[in-house]
Amino acid sequence: MALKYSKQREAIKEFLATRTDHPTADVVYMNIRKAFPNISLGTVYRNLSLLASLGEVNKMTPGDGADHFDWNTEPHYHVVCTECGCVQDLPMELVQDMNKLAEKYYDGVIDGHNVYFYGNL
């Protein structure tokens, strides 16, 4: 079944594509409201969840109590500032075969992983 086109969902995707700071749903909402004054926070949350379930954005939970959303769905690492809470890409090489290494300590199959580094400037 094809997904019905939504101007609001497209605007959310376009907004995320311009960001490298991995905004929360609240930040997305505050910015999308400029173009769609009647949009609800619930609509933004539902669309972000849908986009994440479709693999079009990454939903991240770095431990600050809020989900963050990342346009870049390629495997990469993040750093979370312990002072301001901002989340940004960490441009380092991926540790190759981390999933296979983890399987040595797990009886099942590892499908993926998330790594967050924490620090401050």
PDB file of N, CA and C in Angstrom:
ATOM      1  N   MET A   1       0.842  -1.181   0.000  1.00  0.00           N
ATOM      2  CA  MET A   1       0.000   0.000   0.000  1.00  0.00           C
ATOM      3  C   MET A   1       0.883   1.238   0.000  1.00  0.00           C
ATOM      4  N   ALA A   2       0.631   2.135  -0.915  1.00  0.00           N
ATOM      5  CA  ALA A   2       1.414   3.362  -1.031  1.00  0.00           C
ATOM      6  C   ALA A   2       0.981   4.362   0.041  1.00  0.00           C
ATOM      7  N   LEU A   3       1.945   5.103   0.519  1.00  0.00           N
ATOM      8  CA  LEU A   3       1.694   6.111   1.533  1.00  0.00           C
ATOM      9  C   LEU A   3       1.126   7.356   0.872  1.00  0.00           C
ATOM     10  N   LYS A   4       0.036   7.865   1.408  1.00  0.00           N
ATOM     11  CA  LYS A   4      -0.591   9.065   0.872  1.00  0.00           C
ATOM     12  C   LYS A   4       0.339  10.262   1.081  1.00  0.00           C
ATOM     13  N   TYR A   5       0.452  11.090   0.054  1.00  0.00           N
ATOM     14  CA  TYR A   5       1.293  12.281   0.117  1.00  0.00           C
ATOM     15  C   TYR A   5       0.761  13.256   1.166  1.00  0.00           C
ATOM     16  N   SER A   6       1.671  13.871   1.901  1.00  0.00           N
ATOM     17  CA  SER A   6       1.300  14.857   2.913  1.00  0.00           C
ATOM     18  C   SER A   6       2.263  16.037   2.829  1.00  0.00           C
ATOM     19  N   LYS A   7       1.717  17.245   2.624  1.00  0.00           N
ATOM     20  CA  LYS A   7       2.554  18.452   2.576  1.00  0.00           C
ATOM     21  C   LYS A   7       3.279  18.645   3.902  1.00  0.00           C
ATOM     22  N   GLN A   8       2.577  18.345   4.983  1.00  0.00           N
ATOM     23  CA  GLN A   8       3.178  18.526   6.305  1.00  0.00           C
ATOM     24  C   GLN A   8       4.349  17.568   6.506  1.00  0.00           C
ATOM     25  N   ARG A   9       4.177  16.316   6.124  1.00  0.00           N
ATOM     26  CA  ARG A   9       5.250  15.327   6.270  1.00  0.00           C
ATOM     27  C   ARG A   9       6.442  15.705   5.400  1.00  0.00           C
ATOM     28  N   GLU A  10       6.173  16.162   4.180  1.00  0.00           N
ATOM     29  CA  GLU A  10       7.264  16.600   3.305  1.00  0.00           C
ATOM     30  C   GLU A  10       7.999  17.795   3.904  1.00  0.00           C
ATOM     31  N   ALA A  11       7.268  18.720   4.516  1.00  0.00           N
ATOM     32  CA  ALA A  11       7.894  19.881   5.155  1.00  0.00           C
ATOM     33  C   ALA A  11       8.773  19.441   6.332  1.00  0.00           C
ATOM     34  N   ILE A  12       8.321  18.450   7.072  1.00  0.00           N
ATOM     35  CA  ILE A  12       9.117  17.920   8.187  1.00  0.00           C
ATOM     36  C   ILE A  12      10.408  17.305   7.648  1.00  0.00           C
ATOM     37  N   LYS A  13      10.317  16.516   6.584  1.00  0.00           N
ATOM     38  CA  LYS A  13      11.503  15.922   5.983  1.00  0.00           C
ATOM     39  C   LYS A  13      12.462  16.990   5.473  1.00  0.00           C
ATOM     40  N   GLU A  14      11.927  18.007   4.805  1.00  0.00           N
ATOM     41  CA  GLU A  14      12.765  19.082   4.279  1.00  0.00           C
ATOM     42  C   GLU A  14      13.446  19.844   5.417  1.00  0.00           C
ATOM     43  N   PHE A  15      12.726  20.079   6.501  1.00  0.00           N
ATOM     44  CA  PHE A  15      13.316  20.765   7.647  1.00  0.00           C
ATOM     45  C   PHE A  15      14.462  19.938   8.224  1.00  0.00           C
ATOM     46  N   LEU A  16      14.232  18.654   8.454  1.00  0.00           N
ATOM     47  CA  LEU A  16      15.279  17.803   9.016  1.00  0.00           C
ATOM     48  C   LEU A  16      16.498  17.733   8.111  1.00  0.00           C
ATOM     49  N   ALA A  17      16.282  17.782   6.798  1.00  0.00           N
ATOM     50  CA  ALA A  17      17.395  17.709   5.853  1.00  0.00           C
ATOM     51  C   ALA A  17      18.312  18.924   5.959  1.00  0.00           C
ATOM     52  N   THR A  18      17.822  20.010   6.518  1.00  0.00           N
ATOM     53  CA  THR A  18      18.644  21.217   6.654  1.00  0.00           C
ATOM     54  C   THR A  18      19.386  21.266   7.981  1.00  0.00           C
ATOM     55  N   ARG A  19      19.157  20.289   8.850  1.00  0.00           N
ATOM     56  CA  ARG A  19      19.701  20.342  10.210  1.00  0.00           C
ATOM     57  C   ARG A  19      20.775  19.285  10.434  1.00  0.00           C
ATOM     58  N   THR A  20      21.781  19.673  11.201  1.00  0.00           N
ATOM     59  CA  THR A  20      22.814  18.721  11.588  1.00  0.00           C
ATOM     60  C   THR A  20      22.856  18.557  13.103  1.00  0.00           C
ATOM     61  N   ASP A  21      21.930  19.228  13.806  1.00  0.00           N
ATOM     62  CA  ASP A  21      21.936  19.188  15.271  1.00  0.00           C
ATOM     63  C   ASP A  21      20.937  18.201  15.847  1.00  0.00           C
ATOM     64  N   HIS A  22      20.268  17.426  15.017  1.00  0.00           N
ATOM     65  CA  HIS A  22      19.366  16.374  15.449  1.00  0.00           C
ATOM     66  C   HIS A  22      18.304  16.910  16.418  1.00  0.00           C
ATOM     67  N   PRO A  23      17.370  17.702  15.908  1.00  0.00           N
ATOM     68  CA  PRO A  23      16.380  18.351  16.773  1.00  0.00           C
ATOM     69  C   PRO A  23      15.382  17.379  17.393  1.00  0.00           C
ATOM     70  N   THR A  24      14.771  17.834  18.474  1.00  0.00           N
ATOM     71  CA  THR A  24      13.687  17.096  19.109  1.00  0.00           C
ATOM     72  C   THR A  24      12.399  17.373  18.343  1.00  0.00           C
ATOM     73  N   ALA A  25      11.356  16.621  18.651  1.00  0.00           N
ATOM     74  CA  ALA A  25      10.052  16.843  18.019  1.00  0.00           C
ATOM     75  C   ALA A  25       9.539  18.246  18.337  1.00  0.00           C
ATOM     76  N   ASP A  26       9.815  18.744  19.546  1.00  0.00           N
ATOM     77  CA  ASP A  26       9.375  20.099  19.908  1.00  0.00           C
ATOM     78  C   ASP A  26      10.012  21.153  19.022  1.00  0.00           C
ATOM     79  N   VAL A  27      11.295  20.990  18.729  1.00  0.00           N
ATOM     80  CA  VAL A  27      11.992  21.947  17.858  1.00  0.00           C
ATOM     81  C   VAL A  27      11.431  21.851  16.444  1.00  0.00           C
ATOM     82  N   VAL A  28      11.193  20.637  15.971  1.00  0.00           N
ATOM     83  CA  VAL A  28      10.592  20.460  14.643  1.00  0.00           C
ATOM     84  C   VAL A  28       9.231  21.153  14.613  1.00  0.00           C
ATOM     85  N   TYR A  29       8.429  20.921  15.619  1.00  0.00           N
ATOM     86  CA  TYR A  29       7.087  21.511  15.706  1.00  0.00           C
ATOM     87  C   TYR A  29       7.142  23.035  15.651  1.00  0.00           C
ATOM     88  N   MET A  30       8.015  23.640  16.456  1.00  0.00           N
ATOM     89  CA  MET A  30       8.101  25.105  16.496  1.00  0.00           C
ATOM     90  C   MET A  30       8.476  25.685  15.132  1.00  0.00           C
ATOM     91  N   ASN A  31       9.282  24.957  14.375  1.00  0.00           N
ATOM     92  CA  ASN A  31       9.689  25.446  13.057  1.00  0.00           C
ATOM     93  C   ASN A  31       8.656  25.156  11.979  1.00  0.00           C
ATOM     94  N   ILE A  32       8.015  24.011  12.029  1.00  0.00           N
ATOM     95  CA  ILE A  32       7.012  23.650  11.029  1.00  0.00           C
ATOM     96  C   ILE A  32       5.766  24.523  11.177  1.00  0.00           C
ATOM     97  N   ARG A  33       5.498  24.962  12.395  1.00  0.00           N
ATOM     98  CA  ARG A  33       4.339  25.842  12.638  1.00  0.00           C
ATOM     99  C   ARG A  33       4.414  27.135  11.838  1.00  0.00           C
ATOM    100  N   LYS A  34       5.606  27.567  11.474  1.00  0.00           N
ATOM    101  CA  LYS A  34       5.755  28.792  10.679  1.00  0.00           C
ATOM    102  C   LYS A  34       5.070  28.636   9.325  1.00  0.00           C
ATOM    103  N   ALA A  35       5.166  27.462   8.739  1.00  0.00           N
ATOM    104  CA  ALA A  35       4.534  27.203   7.439  1.00  0.00           C
ATOM    105  C   ALA A  35       3.123  26.652   7.581  1.00  0.00           C
ATOM    106  N   PHE A  36       2.861  25.945   8.688  1.00  0.00           N
ATOM    107  CA  PHE A  36       1.560  25.318   8.933  1.00  0.00           C
ATOM    108  C   PHE A  36       1.080  25.726  10.325  1.00  0.00           C
ATOM    109  N   PRO A  37       0.520  26.931  10.477  1.00  0.00           N
ATOM    110  CA  PRO A  37       0.150  27.437  11.804  1.00  0.00           C
ATOM    111  C   PRO A  37      -0.836  26.553  12.562  1.00  0.00           C
ATOM    112  N   ASN A  38      -1.631  25.768  11.861  1.00  0.00           N
ATOM    113  CA  ASN A  38      -2.647  24.945  12.525  1.00  0.00           C
ATOM    114  C   ASN A  38      -2.176  23.525  12.823  1.00  0.00           C
ATOM    115  N   ILE A  39      -0.917  23.215  12.520  1.00  0.00           N
ATOM    116  CA  ILE A  39      -0.432  21.862  12.777  1.00  0.00           C
ATOM    117  C   ILE A  39      -0.334  21.636  14.281  1.00  0.00           C
ATOM    118  N   SER A  40      -0.637  20.424  14.699  1.00  0.00           N
ATOM    119  CA  SER A  40      -0.554  20.102  16.128  1.00  0.00           C
ATOM    120  C   SER A  40       0.757  19.387  16.430  1.00  0.00           C
ATOM    121  N   LEU A  41       1.154  19.443  17.685  1.00  0.00           N
ATOM    122  CA  LEU A  41       2.345  18.726  18.121  1.00  0.00           C
ATOM    123  C   LEU A  41       2.157  17.227  17.898  1.00  0.00           C
ATOM    124  N   GLY A  42       0.951  16.732  18.115  1.00  0.00           N
ATOM    125  CA  GLY A  42       0.658  15.318  17.888  1.00  0.00           C
ATOM    126  C   GLY A  42       0.877  14.913  16.444  1.00  0.00           C
ATOM    127  N   THR A  43       0.502  15.774  15.507  1.00  0.00           N
ATOM    128  CA  THR A  43       0.715  15.486  14.087  1.00  0.00           C
ATOM    129  C   THR A  43       2.199  15.404  13.778  1.00  0.00           C
ATOM    130  N   VAL A  44       2.982  16.297  14.351  1.00  0.00           N
ATOM    131  CA  VAL A  44       4.429  16.265  14.144  1.00  0.00           C
ATOM    132  C   VAL A  44       5.002  14.965  14.717  1.00  0.00           C
ATOM    133  N   TYR A  45       4.610  14.602  15.932  1.00  0.00           N
ATOM    134  CA  TYR A  45       5.076  13.358  16.539  1.00  0.00           C
ATOM    135  C   TYR A  45       4.701  12.151  15.681  1.00  0.00           C
ATOM    136  N   ARG A  46       3.456  12.089  15.236  1.00  0.00           N
ATOM    137  CA  ARG A  46       3.016  10.948  14.421  1.00  0.00           C
ATOM    138  C   ARG A  46       3.814  10.851  13.129  1.00  0.00           C
ATOM    139  N   ASN A  47       4.044  11.996  12.482  1.00  0.00           N
ATOM    140  CA  ASN A  47       4.800  11.982  11.232  1.00  0.00           C
ATOM    141  C   ASN A  47       6.257  11.604  11.456  1.00  0.00           C
ATOM    142  N   LEU A  48       6.859  12.095  12.523  1.00  0.00           N
ATOM    143  CA  LEU A  48       8.238  11.713  12.825  1.00  0.00           C
ATOM    144  C   LEU A  48       8.336  10.225  13.122  1.00  0.00           C
ATOM    145  N   SER A  49       7.376   9.694  13.866  1.00  0.00           N
ATOM    146  CA  SER A  49       7.367   8.258  14.160  1.00  0.00           C
ATOM    147  C   SER A  49       7.187   7.444  12.885  1.00  0.00           C
ATOM    148  N   LEU A  50       6.310   7.892  12.010  1.00  0.00           N
ATOM    149  CA  LEU A  50       6.097   7.205  10.737  1.00  0.00           C
ATOM    150  C   LEU A  50       7.371   7.224   9.900  1.00  0.00           C
ATOM    151  N   LEU A  51       8.000   8.382   9.783  1.00  0.00           N
ATOM    152  CA  LEU A  51       9.228   8.489   9.005  1.00  0.00           C
ATOM    153  C   LEU A  51      10.321   7.592   9.579  1.00  0.00           C
ATOM    154  N   ALA A  52      10.389   7.513  10.899  1.00  0.00           N
ATOM    155  CA  ALA A  52      11.377   6.636  11.540  1.00  0.00           C
ATOM    156  C   ALA A  52      11.058   5.169  11.250  1.00  0.00           C
ATOM    157  N   SER A  53       9.789   4.793  11.323  1.00  0.00           N
ATOM    158  CA  SER A  53       9.414   3.394  11.069  1.00  0.00           C
ATOM    159  C   SER A  53       9.662   3.002   9.616  1.00  0.00           C
ATOM    160  N   LEU A  54       9.605   3.979   8.708  1.00  0.00           N
ATOM    161  CA  LEU A  54       9.871   3.724   7.291  1.00  0.00           C
ATOM    162  C   LEU A  54      11.368   3.755   6.979  1.00  0.00           C
ATOM    163  N   GLY A  55      12.184   4.153   7.961  1.00  0.00           N
ATOM    164  CA  GLY A  55      13.628   4.235   7.754  1.00  0.00           C
ATOM    165  C   GLY A  55      14.074   5.482   7.025  1.00  0.00           C
ATOM    166  N   GLU A  56      13.188   6.483   6.933  1.00  0.00           N
ATOM    167  CA  GLU A  56      13.545   7.717   6.236  1.00  0.00           C
ATOM    168  C   GLU A  56      14.278   8.701   7.131  1.00  0.00           C
ATOM    169  N   VAL A  57      14.143   8.550   8.442  1.00  0.00           N
ATOM    170  CA  VAL A  57      14.906   9.319   9.427  1.00  0.00           C
ATOM    171  C   VAL A  57      15.272   8.362  10.554  1.00  0.00           C
ATOM    172  N   ASN A  58      16.257   8.744  11.334  1.00  0.00           N
ATOM    173  CA  ASN A  58      16.623   7.959  12.510  1.00  0.00           C
ATOM    174  C   ASN A  58      16.070   8.635  13.752  1.00  0.00           C
ATOM    175  N   LYS A  59      15.454   7.845  14.602  1.00  0.00           N
ATOM    176  CA  LYS A  59      14.972   8.316  15.896  1.00  0.00           C
ATOM    177  C   LYS A  59      16.016   7.908  16.921  1.00  0.00           C
ATOM    178  N   MET A  60      16.522   8.892  17.656  1.00  0.00           N
ATOM    179  CA  MET A  60      17.591   8.646  18.611  1.00  0.00           C
ATOM    180  C   MET A  60      17.126   9.017  20.009  1.00  0.00           C
ATOM    181  N   THR A  61      17.552   8.231  20.981  1.00  0.00           N
ATOM    182  CA  THR A  61      17.238   8.503  22.382  1.00  0.00           C
ATOM    183  C   THR A  61      18.552   8.549  23.155  1.00  0.00           C
ATOM    184  N   PRO A  62      19.186   9.724  23.196  1.00  0.00           N
ATOM    185  CA  PRO A  62      20.521   9.809  23.797  1.00  0.00           C
ATOM    186  C   PRO A  62      20.543   9.937  25.321  1.00  0.00           C
ATOM    187  N   GLY A  63      19.386   9.855  25.959  1.00  0.00           N
ATOM    188  CA  GLY A  63      19.367   9.851  27.418  1.00  0.00           C
ATOM    189  C   GLY A  63      18.986  11.150  28.084  1.00  0.00           C
ATOM    190  N   ASP A  64      18.554  12.134  27.308  1.00  0.00           N
ATOM    191  CA  ASP A  64      18.160  13.412  27.909  1.00  0.00           C
ATOM    192  C   ASP A  64      16.653  13.509  28.126  1.00  0.00           C
ATOM    193  N   GLY A  65      15.947  12.394  27.903  1.00  0.00           N
ATOM    194  CA  GLY A  65      14.508  12.384  28.113  1.00  0.00           C
ATOM    195  C   GLY A  65      13.703  12.739  26.880  1.00  0.00           C
ATOM    196  N   ALA A  66      14.365  13.090  25.789  1.00  0.00           N
ATOM    197  CA  ALA A  66      13.660  13.462  24.562  1.00  0.00           C
ATOM    198  C   ALA A  66      14.215  12.661  23.393  1.00  0.00           C
ATOM    199  N   ASP A  67      13.344  12.343  22.453  1.00  0.00           N
ATOM    200  CA  ASP A  67      13.800  11.721  21.214  1.00  0.00           C
ATOM    201  C   ASP A  67      14.346  12.815  20.308  1.00  0.00           C
ATOM    202  N   HIS A  68      15.403  12.488  19.596  1.00  0.00           N
ATOM    203  CA  HIS A  68      15.994  13.389  18.613  1.00  0.00           C
ATOM    204  C   HIS A  68      15.882  12.711  17.262  1.00  0.00           C
ATOM    205  N   PHE A  69      15.874  13.508  16.197  1.00  0.00           N
ATOM    206  CA  PHE A  69      15.677  12.951  14.866  1.00  0.00           C
ATOM    207  C   PHE A  69      16.809  13.379  13.947  1.00  0.00           C
ATOM    208  N   ASP A  70      17.310  12.403  13.210  1.00  0.00           N
ATOM    209  CA  ASP A  70      18.475  12.584  12.355  1.00  0.00           C
ATOM    210  C   ASP A  70      18.105  12.224  10.923  1.00  0.00           C
ATOM    211  N   TRP A  71      18.352  13.130  10.022  1.00  0.00           N
ATOM    212  CA  TRP A  71      18.061  12.925   8.604  1.00  0.00           C
ATOM    213  C   TRP A  71      19.003  11.874   8.002  1.00  0.00           C
ATOM    214  N   ASN A  72      20.224  11.816   8.484  1.00  0.00           N
ATOM    215  CA  ASN A  72      21.232  10.913   7.938  1.00  0.00           C
ATOM    216  C   ASN A  72      20.998   9.498   8.467  1.00  0.00           C
ATOM    217  N   THR A  73      20.560   8.609   7.598  1.00  0.00           N
ATOM    218  CA  THR A  73      20.255   7.240   8.011  1.00  0.00           C
ATOM    219  C   THR A  73      21.434   6.287   7.805  1.00  0.00           C
ATOM    220  N   GLU A  74      22.557   6.801   7.296  1.00  0.00           N
ATOM    221  CA  GLU A  74      23.754   5.972   7.153  1.00  0.00           C
ATOM    222  C   GLU A  74      24.359   5.736   8.538  1.00  0.00           C
ATOM    223  N   PRO A  75      25.000   4.594   8.754  1.00  0.00           N
ATOM    224  CA  PRO A  75      25.618   4.333  10.059  1.00  0.00           C
ATOM    225  C   PRO A  75      26.678   5.395  10.390  1.00  0.00           C
ATOM    226  N   HIS A  76      26.576   5.977  11.575  1.00  0.00           N
ATOM    227  CA  HIS A  76      27.554   6.949  12.055  1.00  0.00           C
ATOM    228  C   HIS A  76      27.372   7.136  13.553  1.00  0.00           C
ATOM    229  N   TYR A  77      28.336   7.772  14.192  1.00  0.00           N
ATOM    230  CA  TYR A  77      28.312   7.968  15.630  1.00  0.00           C
ATOM    231  C   TYR A  77      27.890   9.394  15.976  1.00  0.00           C
ATOM    232  N   HIS A  78      27.508   9.557  17.243  1.00  0.00           N
ATOM    233  CA  HIS A  78      27.059  10.859  17.740  1.00  0.00           C
ATOM    234  C   HIS A  78      27.750  11.194  19.047  1.00  0.00           C
ATOM    235  N   VAL A  79      27.850  12.495  19.297  1.00  0.00           N
ATOM    236  CA  VAL A  79      28.337  12.968  20.585  1.00  0.00           C
ATOM    237  C   VAL A  79      27.243  13.843  21.185  1.00  0.00           C
ATOM    238  N   VAL A  80      27.009  13.665  22.482  1.00  0.00           N
ATOM    239  CA  VAL A  80      25.998  14.414  23.214  1.00  0.00           C
ATOM    240  C   VAL A  80      26.735  15.323  24.196  1.00  0.00           C
ATOM    241  N   CYS A  81      26.454  16.625  24.126  1.00  0.00           N
ATOM    242  CA  CYS A  81      27.080  17.574  25.041  1.00  0.00           C
ATOM    243  C   CYS A  81      26.441  17.423  26.425  1.00  0.00           C
ATOM    244  N   THR A  82      27.269  17.170  27.432  1.00  0.00           N
ATOM    245  CA  THR A  82      26.755  16.980  28.787  1.00  0.00           C
ATOM    246  C   THR A  82      26.371  18.298  29.448  1.00  0.00           C
ATOM    247  N   GLU A  83      26.699  19.417  28.813  1.00  0.00           N
ATOM    248  CA  GLU A  83      26.314  20.722  29.370  1.00  0.00           C
ATOM    249  C   GLU A  83      25.013  21.237  28.768  1.00  0.00           C
ATOM    250  N   CYS A  84      24.927  21.248  27.432  1.00  0.00           N
ATOM    251  CA  CYS A  84      23.742  21.840  26.792  1.00  0.00           C
ATOM    252  C   CYS A  84      22.775  20.804  26.245  1.00  0.00           C
ATOM    253  N   GLY A  85      23.206  19.532  26.136  1.00  0.00           N
ATOM    254  CA  GLY A  85      22.325  18.476  25.653  1.00  0.00           C
ATOM    255  C   GLY A  85      22.251  18.342  24.147  1.00  0.00           C
ATOM    256  N   CYS A  86      22.979  19.182  23.396  1.00  0.00           N
ATOM    257  CA  CYS A  86      22.897  19.080  21.935  1.00  0.00           C
ATOM    258  C   CYS A  86      23.523  17.766  21.470  1.00  0.00           C
ATOM    259  N   VAL A  87      23.006  17.261  20.372  1.00  0.00           N
ATOM    260  CA  VAL A  87      23.475  16.012  19.784  1.00  0.00           C
ATOM    261  C   VAL A  87      24.004  16.343  18.405  1.00  0.00           C
ATOM    262  N   GLN A  88      25.205  15.893  18.116  1.00  0.00           N
ATOM    263  CA  GLN A  88      25.763  16.149  16.796  1.00  0.00           C
ATOM    264  C   GLN A  88      26.519  14.931  16.289  1.00  0.00           C
ATOM    265  N   ASP A  89      26.713  14.903  14.977  1.00  0.00           N
ATOM    266  CA  ASP A  89      27.466  13.813  14.377  1.00  0.00           C
ATOM    267  C   ASP A  89      28.907  13.872  14.848  1.00  0.00           C
ATOM    268  N   LEU A  90      29.501  12.703  15.009  1.00  0.00           N
ATOM    269  CA  LEU A  90      30.911  12.583  15.342  1.00  0.00           C
ATOM    270  C   LEU A  90      31.589  11.980  14.115  1.00  0.00           C
ATOM    271  N   PRO A  91      32.355  12.776  13.376  1.00  0.00           N
ATOM    272  CA  PRO A  91      32.905  12.307  12.099  1.00  0.00           C
ATOM    273  C   PRO A  91      34.135  11.413  12.271  1.00  0.00           C
ATOM    274  N   MET A  92      33.908  10.247  12.833  1.00  0.00           N
ATOM    275  CA  MET A  92      34.996   9.280  12.978  1.00  0.00           C
ATOM    276  C   MET A  92      34.657   8.017  12.212  1.00  0.00           C
ATOM    277  N   GLU A  93      35.681   7.257  11.883  1.00  0.00           N
ATOM    278  CA  GLU A  93      35.464   6.003  11.169  1.00  0.00           C
ATOM    279  C   GLU A  93      34.658   5.041  12.024  1.00  0.00           C
ATOM    280  N   LEU A  94      33.811   4.264  11.378  1.00  0.00           N
ATOM    281  CA  LEU A  94      33.043   3.248  12.083  1.00  0.00           C
ATOM    282  C   LEU A  94      33.961   2.108  12.510  1.00  0.00           C
ATOM    283  N   VAL A  95      33.703   1.567  13.677  1.00  0.00           N
ATOM    284  CA  VAL A  95      34.427   0.385  14.126  1.00  0.00           C
ATOM    285  C   VAL A  95      33.858  -0.792  13.334  1.00  0.00           C
ATOM    286  N   GLN A  96      34.677  -1.352  12.499  1.00  0.00           N
ATOM    287  CA  GLN A  96      34.223  -2.428  11.631  1.00  0.00           C
ATOM    288  C   GLN A  96      33.937  -3.694  12.443  1.00  0.00           C
ATOM    289  N   ASP A  97      32.932  -4.396  12.043  1.00  0.00           N
ATOM    290  CA  ASP A  97      32.574  -5.692  12.635  1.00  0.00           C
ATOM    291  C   ASP A  97      32.185  -5.616  14.110  1.00  0.00           C
ATOM    292  N   MET A  98      31.692  -4.464  14.574  1.00  0.00           N
ATOM    293  CA  MET A  98      31.278  -4.356  15.974  1.00  0.00           C
ATOM    294  C   MET A  98      30.140  -5.326  16.285  1.00  0.00           C
ATOM    295  N   ASN A  99      29.215  -5.502  15.354  1.00  0.00           N
ATOM    296  CA  ASN A  99      28.118  -6.441  15.588  1.00  0.00           C
ATOM    297  C   ASN A  99      28.640  -7.870  15.751  1.00  0.00           C
ATOM    298  N   LYS A 100      29.584  -8.265  14.919  1.00  0.00           N
ATOM    299  CA  LYS A 100      30.151  -9.619  15.024  1.00  0.00           C
ATOM    300  C   LYS A 100      30.914  -9.784  16.332  1.00  0.00           C
ATOM    301  N   LEU A 101      31.620  -8.762  16.761  1.00  0.00           N
ATOM    302  CA  LEU A 101      32.328  -8.815  18.030  1.00  0.00           C
ATOM    303  C   LEU A 101      31.343  -9.000  19.181  1.00  0.00           C
ATOM    304  N   ALA A 102      30.231  -8.267  19.145  1.00  0.00           N
ATOM    305  CA  ALA A 102      29.222  -8.376  20.197  1.00  0.00           C
ATOM    306  C   ALA A 102      28.598  -9.768  20.231  1.00  0.00           C
ATOM    307  N   GLU A 103      28.463 -10.412  19.074  1.00  0.00           N
ATOM    308  CA  GLU A 103      27.865 -11.747  19.020  1.00  0.00           C
ATOM    309  C   GLU A 103      28.687 -12.782  19.778  1.00  0.00           C
ATOM    310  N   LYS A 104      29.964 -12.501  20.009  1.00  0.00           N
ATOM    311  CA  LYS A 104      30.790 -13.421  20.795  1.00  0.00           C
ATOM    312  C   LYS A 104      30.293 -13.499  22.239  1.00  0.00           C
ATOM    313  N   TYR A 105      29.559 -12.471  22.677  1.00  0.00           N
ATOM    314  CA  TYR A 105      29.088 -12.393  24.059  1.00  0.00           C
ATOM    315  C   TYR A 105      27.573 -12.559  24.171  1.00  0.00           C
ATOM    316  N   TYR A 106      26.934 -12.945  23.056  1.00  0.00           N
ATOM    317  CA  TYR A 106      25.483 -13.045  22.997  1.00  0.00           C
ATOM    318  C   TYR A 106      25.127 -14.299  22.213  1.00  0.00           C
ATOM    319  N   ASP A 107      24.155 -15.053  22.688  1.00  0.00           N
ATOM    320  CA  ASP A 107      23.798 -16.309  22.037  1.00  0.00           C
ATOM    321  C   ASP A 107      22.970 -16.132  20.774  1.00  0.00           C
ATOM    322  N   GLY A 108      22.495 -14.921  20.508  1.00  0.00           N
ATOM    323  CA  GLY A 108      21.659 -14.672  19.334  1.00  0.00           C
ATOM    324  C   GLY A 108      22.423 -13.947  18.244  1.00  0.00           C
ATOM    325  N   VAL A 109      21.670 -13.334  17.345  1.00  0.00           N
ATOM    326  CA  VAL A 109      22.232 -12.568  16.243  1.00  0.00           C
ATOM    327  C   VAL A 109      22.062 -11.085  16.554  1.00  0.00           C
ATOM    328  N   ILE A 110      23.123 -10.338  16.449  1.00  0.00           N
ATOM    329  CA  ILE A 110      23.079  -8.890  16.649  1.00  0.00           C
ATOM    330  C   ILE A 110      22.719  -8.247  15.315  1.00  0.00           C
ATOM    331  N   ASP A 111      21.645  -7.453  15.303  1.00  0.00           N
ATOM    332  CA  ASP A 111      21.185  -6.802  14.079  1.00  0.00           C
ATOM    333  C   ASP A 111      21.735  -5.391  13.899  1.00  0.00           C
ATOM    334  N   GLY A 112      22.137  -4.752  14.978  1.00  0.00           N
ATOM    335  CA  GLY A 112      22.633  -3.390  14.869  1.00  0.00           C
ATOM    336  C   GLY A 112      23.032  -2.873  16.233  1.00  0.00           C
ATOM    337  N   HIS A 113      23.474  -1.623  16.270  1.00  0.00           N
ATOM    338  CA  HIS A 113      23.870  -1.012  17.538  1.00  0.00           C
ATOM    339  C   HIS A 113      23.781   0.511  17.428  1.00  0.00           C
ATOM    340  N   ASN A 114      23.719   1.154  18.577  1.00  0.00           N
ATOM    341  CA  ASN A 114      23.784   2.606  18.680  1.00  0.00           C
ATOM    342  C   ASN A 114      24.897   2.936  19.652  1.00  0.00           C
ATOM    343  N   VAL A 115      25.695   3.923  19.307  1.00  0.00           N
ATOM    344  CA  VAL A 115      26.767   4.362  20.185  1.00  0.00           C
ATOM    345  C   VAL A 115      26.643   5.871  20.358  1.00  0.00           C
ATOM    346  N   TYR A 116      26.611   6.309  21.609  1.00  0.00           N
ATOM    347  CA  TYR A 116      26.624   7.727  21.918  1.00  0.00           C
ATOM    348  C   TYR A 116      27.858   8.020  22.749  1.00  0.00           C
ATOM    349  N   PHE A 117      28.593   9.027  22.372  1.00  0.00           N
ATOM    350  CA  PHE A 117      29.698   9.513  23.171  1.00  0.00           C
ATOM    351  C   PHE A 117      29.204  10.745  23.899  1.00  0.00           C
ATOM    352  N   TYR A 118      29.654  10.944  25.121  1.00  0.00           N
ATOM    353  CA  TYR A 118      29.224  12.078  25.931  1.00  0.00           C
ATOM    354  C   TYR A 118      30.435  12.912  26.293  1.00  0.00           C
ATOM    355  N   GLY A 119      30.309  14.236  26.180  1.00  0.00           N
ATOM    356  CA  GLY A 119      31.406  15.138  26.519  1.00  0.00           C
ATOM    357  C   GLY A 119      30.946  16.571  26.471  1.00  0.00           C
ATOM    358  N   ASN A 120      31.874  17.489  26.705  1.00  0.00           N
ATOM    359  CA  ASN A 120      31.549  18.915  26.623  1.00  0.00           C
ATOM    360  C   ASN A 120      32.755  19.666  26.101  1.00  0.00           C
ATOM    361  N   LEU A 121      32.487  20.855  25.624  1.00  0.00           N
ATOM    362  CA  LEU A 121      33.566  21.696  25.079  1.00  0.00           C
ATOM    363  C   LEU A 121      34.169  22.544  26.174  1.00  0.00           C
TER     364      LEU A 121
END
